[in-house]
Amino acid sequence: MSPALRRAVAEANRRFWNIDADWATEVLVTAGATEALADCFFGLLEPPHLQAAVAFGLGLEDSYFHGLQATLQHNRDQLADGLRKLGFSALDCGVTYFLCVEIGGLDRDGDGFPFCRRLVAESGVAAAPVSSVYAERDMTSLIRLCSAKRLPSLHEALERLADWRNRERRTERLLNKSYK
């Protein structure tokens, strides 16, 4: 690893993880928990492309990141508002690229895995079940939609979801009429 990349990775670890290491020797300067030690070594073992990206990012002005933060927050809020207008139960989220949506009212089984498969097949919008990150898979009624997209993509996704919801409602009305 080049000295410039070592310096950039050390600076990133100091800035983001509060881990201080001598960039030239990769020796920890401050004592910390086992997690801090692991983070430091993992930071030094990051893939070269990620190291180059970190080094590039550290050279950018803070205004870039403030603008990026504002854009991502605006896009997340647009998606959340749009989902709520369509009748989805989008949960509030502070700092993430994903919006969690409760699917209990949308899926009679309330299971995110089959619901996400059905959603992408029927609407063309991809979501991920939250239970996929739980070992016990016990958080089944939540799905995640990524909000870190360009605004036109998010608007298109909302249009597709609106069409899907309308088709779902028409089908439900037809089924209810035929069983009465």
C-alpha atoms as a PDB file:
ATOM      1  CA  MET A   1       0.000   0.000   0.000  1.00  0.00           C
ATOM      2  CA  SER A   2       1.421   3.389  -0.920  1.00  0.00           C
ATOM      3  CA  PRO A   3       2.246   5.908   1.837  1.00  0.00           C
ATOM      4  CA  ALA A   4      -0.505   8.221   0.550  1.00  0.00           C
ATOM      5  CA  LEU A   5      -3.106   5.455   0.818  1.00  0.00           C
ATOM      6  CA  ARG A   6      -1.831   4.439   4.265  1.00  0.00           C
ATOM      7  CA  ARG A   7      -2.156   8.059   5.389  1.00  0.00           C
ATOM      8  CA  ALA A   8      -5.665   8.305   3.894  1.00  0.00           C
ATOM      9  CA  VAL A   9      -6.851   5.074   5.539  1.00  0.00           C
ATOM     10  CA  ALA A  10      -5.390   6.155   8.885  1.00  0.00           C
ATOM     11  CA  GLU A  11      -7.108   9.537   8.539  1.00  0.00           C
ATOM     12  CA  ALA A  12     -10.407   7.838   7.655  1.00  0.00           C
ATOM     13  CA  ASN A  13     -10.140   5.535  10.669  1.00  0.00           C
ATOM     14  CA  ARG A  14      -9.387   8.536  12.902  1.00  0.00           C
ATOM     15  CA  ARG A  15     -12.198  10.624  11.403  1.00  0.00           C
ATOM     16  CA  PHE A  16     -14.952   8.020  11.157  1.00  0.00           C
ATOM     17  CA  TRP A  17     -14.118   5.390  13.788  1.00  0.00           C
ATOM     18  CA  ASN A  18     -12.088   7.436  16.295  1.00  0.00           C
ATOM     19  CA  ILE A  19      -9.198   4.989  15.943  1.00  0.00           C
ATOM     20  CA  ASP A  20      -5.765   6.537  15.939  1.00  0.00           C
ATOM     21  CA  ALA A  21      -2.894   4.674  14.314  1.00  0.00           C
ATOM     22  CA  ASP A  22       0.514   5.758  13.083  1.00  0.00           C
ATOM     23  CA  TRP A  23       0.018   5.633   9.321  1.00  0.00           C
ATOM     24  CA  ALA A  24       3.648   4.774   8.635  1.00  0.00           C
ATOM     25  CA  THR A  25       3.859   1.795  10.980  1.00  0.00           C
ATOM     26  CA  GLU A  26       0.170   0.879  11.320  1.00  0.00           C
ATOM     27  CA  VAL A  27       0.636   0.726  15.100  1.00  0.00           C
ATOM     28  CA  LEU A  28      -2.252   1.788  17.319  1.00  0.00           C
ATOM     29  CA  VAL A  29      -1.516   5.014  19.133  1.00  0.00           C
ATOM     30  CA  THR A  30      -4.556   5.020  21.422  1.00  0.00           C
ATOM     31  CA  ALA A  31      -5.757   2.125  23.513  1.00  0.00           C
ATOM     32  CA  GLY A  32      -9.284   0.913  22.902  1.00  0.00           C
ATOM     33  CA  ALA A  33     -11.635  -2.006  23.033  1.00  0.00           C
ATOM     34  CA  THR A  34     -11.187  -5.148  20.992  1.00  0.00           C
ATOM     35  CA  GLU A  35     -13.637  -3.719  18.466  1.00  0.00           C
ATOM     36  CA  ALA A  36     -11.381  -0.693  17.943  1.00  0.00           C
ATOM     37  CA  LEU A  37      -8.404  -2.945  17.292  1.00  0.00           C
ATOM     38  CA  ALA A  38     -10.423  -5.057  14.851  1.00  0.00           C
ATOM     39  CA  ASP A  39     -11.723  -1.944  13.084  1.00  0.00           C
ATOM     40  CA  CYS A  40      -8.208  -0.624  12.717  1.00  0.00           C
ATOM     41  CA  PHE A  41      -6.868  -3.800  11.156  1.00  0.00           C
ATOM     42  CA  PHE A  42      -9.904  -4.219   8.926  1.00  0.00           C
ATOM     43  CA  GLY A  43      -9.464  -0.613   7.836  1.00  0.00           C
ATOM     44  CA  LEU A  44      -5.916  -1.364   6.793  1.00  0.00           C
ATOM     45  CA  LEU A  45      -7.071  -4.435   4.885  1.00  0.00           C
ATOM     46  CA  GLU A  46      -9.751  -2.644   2.890  1.00  0.00           C
ATOM     47  CA  PRO A  47      -9.774  -3.416  -0.835  1.00  0.00           C
ATOM     48  CA  PRO A  48      -7.467  -1.125  -2.839  1.00  0.00           C
ATOM     49  CA  HIS A  49     -10.334   0.485  -4.755  1.00  0.00           C
ATOM     50  CA  LEU A  50     -12.075   1.365  -1.491  1.00  0.00           C
ATOM     51  CA  GLN A  51      -8.803   2.777  -0.125  1.00  0.00           C
ATOM     52  CA  ALA A  52      -8.459   4.951  -3.227  1.00  0.00           C
ATOM     53  CA  ALA A  53     -12.080   6.086  -2.840  1.00  0.00           C
ATOM     54  CA  VAL A  54     -11.475   7.010   0.809  1.00  0.00           C
ATOM     55  CA  ALA A  55      -8.327   8.905  -0.136  1.00  0.00           C
ATOM     56  CA  PHE A  56     -10.236  10.775  -2.848  1.00  0.00           C
ATOM     57  CA  GLY A  57     -13.123  11.555  -0.508  1.00  0.00           C
ATOM     58  CA  LEU A  58     -10.831  12.907   2.178  1.00  0.00           C
ATOM     59  CA  GLY A  59      -9.598  15.451  -0.350  1.00  0.00           C
ATOM     60  CA  LEU A  60     -13.084  16.828  -0.999  1.00  0.00           C
ATOM     61  CA  GLU A  61     -14.402  19.933   0.696  1.00  0.00           C
ATOM     62  CA  ASP A  62     -16.941  19.547   3.483  1.00  0.00           C
ATOM     63  CA  SER A  63     -19.471  21.392   1.317  1.00  0.00           C
ATOM     64  CA  TYR A  64     -19.589  18.370  -1.009  1.00  0.00           C
ATOM     65  CA  PHE A  65     -20.662  16.099   1.842  1.00  0.00           C
ATOM     66  CA  HIS A  66     -23.163  18.620   3.198  1.00  0.00           C
ATOM     67  CA  GLY A  67     -24.725  18.870  -0.276  1.00  0.00           C
ATOM     68  CA  LEU A  68     -24.757  15.090  -0.625  1.00  0.00           C
ATOM     69  CA  GLN A  69     -26.366  14.732   2.791  1.00  0.00           C
ATOM     70  CA  ALA A  70     -29.064  17.269   1.921  1.00  0.00           C
ATOM     71  CA  THR A  71     -29.779  15.558  -1.414  1.00  0.00           C
ATOM     72  CA  LEU A  72     -29.998  12.083   0.132  1.00  0.00           C
ATOM     73  CA  GLN A  73     -32.227  13.362   2.929  1.00  0.00           C
ATOM     74  CA  HIS A  74     -34.518  15.131   0.444  1.00  0.00           C
ATOM     75  CA  ASN A  75     -34.778  12.002  -1.716  1.00  0.00           C
ATOM     76  CA  ARG A  76     -35.476   9.812   1.332  1.00  0.00           C
ATOM     77  CA  ASP A  77     -38.216  12.195   2.474  1.00  0.00           C
ATOM     78  CA  GLN A  78     -39.742  12.269  -1.028  1.00  0.00           C
ATOM     79  CA  LEU A  79     -39.862   8.467  -1.103  1.00  0.00           C
ATOM     80  CA  ALA A  80     -41.314   8.245   2.416  1.00  0.00           C
ATOM     81  CA  ASP A  81     -44.004  10.825   1.659  1.00  0.00           C
ATOM     82  CA  GLY A  82     -44.868   9.133  -1.629  1.00  0.00           C
ATOM     83  CA  LEU A  83     -45.137   5.723   0.006  1.00  0.00           C
ATOM     84  CA  ARG A  84     -47.389   7.059   2.735  1.00  0.00           C
ATOM     85  CA  LYS A  85     -49.667   8.711   0.174  1.00  0.00           C
ATOM     86  CA  LEU A  86     -50.005   5.304  -1.484  1.00  0.00           C
ATOM     87  CA  GLY A  87     -51.040   3.701   1.810  1.00  0.00           C
ATOM     88  CA  PHE A  88     -47.731   2.119   2.724  1.00  0.00           C
ATOM     89  CA  SER A  89     -46.654   2.245   6.377  1.00  0.00           C
ATOM     90  CA  ALA A  90     -43.189   3.758   5.931  1.00  0.00           C
ATOM     91  CA  LEU A  91     -41.403   4.017   9.250  1.00  0.00           C
ATOM     92  CA  ASP A  92     -39.497   7.147  10.202  1.00  0.00           C
ATOM     93  CA  CYS A  93     -35.763   6.794   9.791  1.00  0.00           C
ATOM     94  CA  GLY A  94     -33.057   9.215  10.722  1.00  0.00           C
ATOM     95  CA  VAL A  95     -29.830   8.133   9.138  1.00  0.00           C
ATOM     96  CA  THR A  96     -29.922   5.346   6.601  1.00  0.00           C
ATOM     97  CA  TYR A  97     -30.209   4.708   2.884  1.00  0.00           C
ATOM     98  CA  PHE A  98     -33.208   2.460   3.466  1.00  0.00           C
ATOM     99  CA  LEU A  99     -36.815   3.040   4.393  1.00  0.00           C
ATOM    100  CA  CYS A 100     -38.509   0.290   6.334  1.00  0.00           C
ATOM    101  CA  VAL A 101     -42.112  -0.461   5.405  1.00  0.00           C
ATOM    102  CA  GLU A 102     -44.495  -2.524   7.521  1.00  0.00           C
ATOM    103  CA  ILE A 103     -46.316  -4.951   5.202  1.00  0.00           C
ATOM    104  CA  GLY A 104     -48.923  -6.396   7.562  1.00  0.00           C
ATOM    105  CA  GLY A 105     -51.719  -4.491   5.810  1.00  0.00           C
ATOM    106  CA  LEU A 106     -50.391  -5.351   2.346  1.00  0.00           C
ATOM    107  CA  ASP A 107     -49.775  -9.066   2.676  1.00  0.00           C
ATOM    108  CA  ARG A 108     -52.050 -11.512   4.436  1.00  0.00           C
ATOM    109  CA  ASP A 109     -49.093 -13.684   5.541  1.00  0.00           C
ATOM    110  CA  GLY A 110     -46.940 -10.713   6.531  1.00  0.00           C
ATOM    111  CA  ASP A 111     -43.780 -12.462   5.376  1.00  0.00           C
ATOM    112  CA  GLY A 112     -41.242 -10.202   3.700  1.00  0.00           C
ATOM    113  CA  PHE A 113     -39.485 -12.865   1.613  1.00  0.00           C
ATOM    114  CA  PRO A 114     -42.411 -13.943  -0.580  1.00  0.00           C
ATOM    115  CA  PHE A 115     -43.800 -10.406  -0.513  1.00  0.00           C
ATOM    116  CA  CYS A 116     -40.551  -8.959  -1.926  1.00  0.00           C
ATOM    117  CA  ARG A 117     -40.467 -11.629  -4.660  1.00  0.00           C
ATOM    118  CA  ARG A 118     -44.052 -10.823  -5.555  1.00  0.00           C
ATOM    119  CA  LEU A 119     -43.459  -7.073  -5.429  1.00  0.00           C
ATOM    120  CA  VAL A 120     -40.569  -7.132  -7.895  1.00  0.00           C
ATOM    121  CA  ALA A 121     -42.401  -9.542 -10.219  1.00  0.00           C
ATOM    122  CA  GLU A 122     -45.667  -7.597 -10.203  1.00  0.00           C
ATOM    123  CA  SER A 123     -44.457  -3.992  -9.947  1.00  0.00           C
ATOM    124  CA  GLY A 124     -40.830  -3.974 -11.058  1.00  0.00           C
ATOM    125  CA  VAL A 125     -39.776  -2.400  -7.751  1.00  0.00           C
ATOM    126  CA  ALA A 126     -37.179  -4.271  -5.731  1.00  0.00           C
ATOM    127  CA  ALA A 127     -37.257  -4.407  -1.949  1.00  0.00           C
ATOM    128  CA  ALA A 128     -35.388  -6.518   0.596  1.00  0.00           C
ATOM    129  CA  PRO A 129     -36.924  -8.281   3.578  1.00  0.00           C
ATOM    130  CA  VAL A 130     -35.552  -6.944   6.864  1.00  0.00           C
ATOM    131  CA  SER A 131     -35.546 -10.507   8.183  1.00  0.00           C
ATOM    132  CA  SER A 132     -32.639 -11.290   5.846  1.00  0.00           C
ATOM    133  CA  VAL A 133     -30.303  -9.557   8.310  1.00  0.00           C
ATOM    134  CA  TYR A 134     -31.676 -11.368  11.377  1.00  0.00           C
ATOM    135  CA  ALA A 135     -30.244 -14.760  12.315  1.00  0.00           C
ATOM    136  CA  GLU A 136     -33.578 -16.007  13.622  1.00  0.00           C
ATOM    137  CA  ARG A 137     -35.499 -14.422  10.723  1.00  0.00           C
ATOM    138  CA  ASP A 138     -38.111 -13.252  13.223  1.00  0.00           C
ATOM    139  CA  MET A 139     -38.610  -9.720  11.862  1.00  0.00           C
ATOM    140  CA  THR A 140     -40.835 -10.895   9.008  1.00  0.00           C
ATOM    141  CA  SER A 141     -43.281  -8.037   8.545  1.00  0.00           C
ATOM    142  CA  LEU A 142     -40.774  -5.342   7.514  1.00  0.00           C
ATOM    143  CA  ILE A 143     -39.188  -4.731   4.126  1.00  0.00           C
ATOM    144  CA  ARG A 144     -36.562  -2.192   3.071  1.00  0.00           C
ATOM    145  CA  LEU A 145     -36.606   0.108   0.063  1.00  0.00           C
ATOM    146  CA  CYS A 146     -33.413   1.928  -0.895  1.00  0.00           C
ATOM    147  CA  SER A 147     -33.739   5.700  -1.022  1.00  0.00           C
ATOM    148  CA  ALA A 148     -30.192   6.393  -2.242  1.00  0.00           C
ATOM    149  CA  LYS A 149     -31.336   6.765  -5.839  1.00  0.00           C
ATOM    150  CA  ARG A 150     -31.783   9.680  -8.182  1.00  0.00           C
ATOM    151  CA  LEU A 151     -35.101  11.449  -7.728  1.00  0.00           C
ATOM    152  CA  PRO A 152     -36.495  10.457 -11.174  1.00  0.00           C
ATOM    153  CA  SER A 153     -35.864   6.783 -10.301  1.00  0.00           C
ATOM    154  CA  LEU A 154     -37.683   7.188  -6.997  1.00  0.00           C
ATOM    155  CA  HIS A 155     -40.626   8.888  -8.731  1.00  0.00           C
ATOM    156  CA  GLU A 156     -40.779   6.063 -11.283  1.00  0.00           C
ATOM    157  CA  ALA A 157     -40.765   3.512  -8.455  1.00  0.00           C
ATOM    158  CA  LEU A 158     -43.633   5.360  -6.764  1.00  0.00           C
ATOM    159  CA  GLU A 159     -45.599   5.369 -10.041  1.00  0.00           C
ATOM    160  CA  ARG A 160     -45.051   1.621 -10.417  1.00  0.00           C
ATOM    161  CA  LEU A 161     -46.121   1.038  -6.827  1.00  0.00           C
ATOM    162  CA  ALA A 162     -49.232   3.176  -7.376  1.00  0.00           C
ATOM    163  CA  ASP A 163     -50.159   1.069 -10.417  1.00  0.00           C
ATOM    164  CA  TRP A 164     -49.491  -2.105  -8.451  1.00  0.00           C
ATOM    165  CA  ARG A 165     -51.612  -0.927  -5.507  1.00  0.00           C
ATOM    166  CA  ASN A 166     -54.480  -0.043  -7.878  1.00  0.00           C
ATOM    167  CA  ARG A 167     -54.322  -3.496  -9.496  1.00  0.00           C
ATOM    168  CA  GLU A 168     -54.224  -5.110  -6.041  1.00  0.00           C
ATOM    169  CA  ARG A 169     -57.277  -3.149  -4.903  1.00  0.00           C
ATOM    170  CA  ARG A 170     -59.229  -4.004  -8.076  1.00  0.00           C
ATOM    171  CA  THR A 171     -58.396  -7.682  -7.647  1.00  0.00           C
ATOM    172  CA  GLU A 172     -59.431  -7.569  -4.008  1.00  0.00           C
ATOM    173  CA  ARG A 173     -62.755  -5.915  -4.888  1.00  0.00           C
ATOM    174  CA  LEU A 174     -63.430  -8.532  -7.574  1.00  0.00           C
ATOM    175  CA  LEU A 175     -62.640 -11.360  -5.171  1.00  0.00           C
ATOM    176  CA  ASN A 176     -64.888  -9.871  -2.506  1.00  0.00           C
ATOM    177  CA  LYS A 177     -67.783  -9.534  -4.989  1.00  0.00           C
ATOM    178  CA  SER A 178     -67.451 -13.104  -6.209  1.00  0.00           C
ATOM    179  CA  TYR A 179     -67.514 -14.529  -2.678  1.00  0.00           C
ATOM    180  CA  LYS A 180     -70.622 -12.591  -1.591  1.00  0.00           C
END
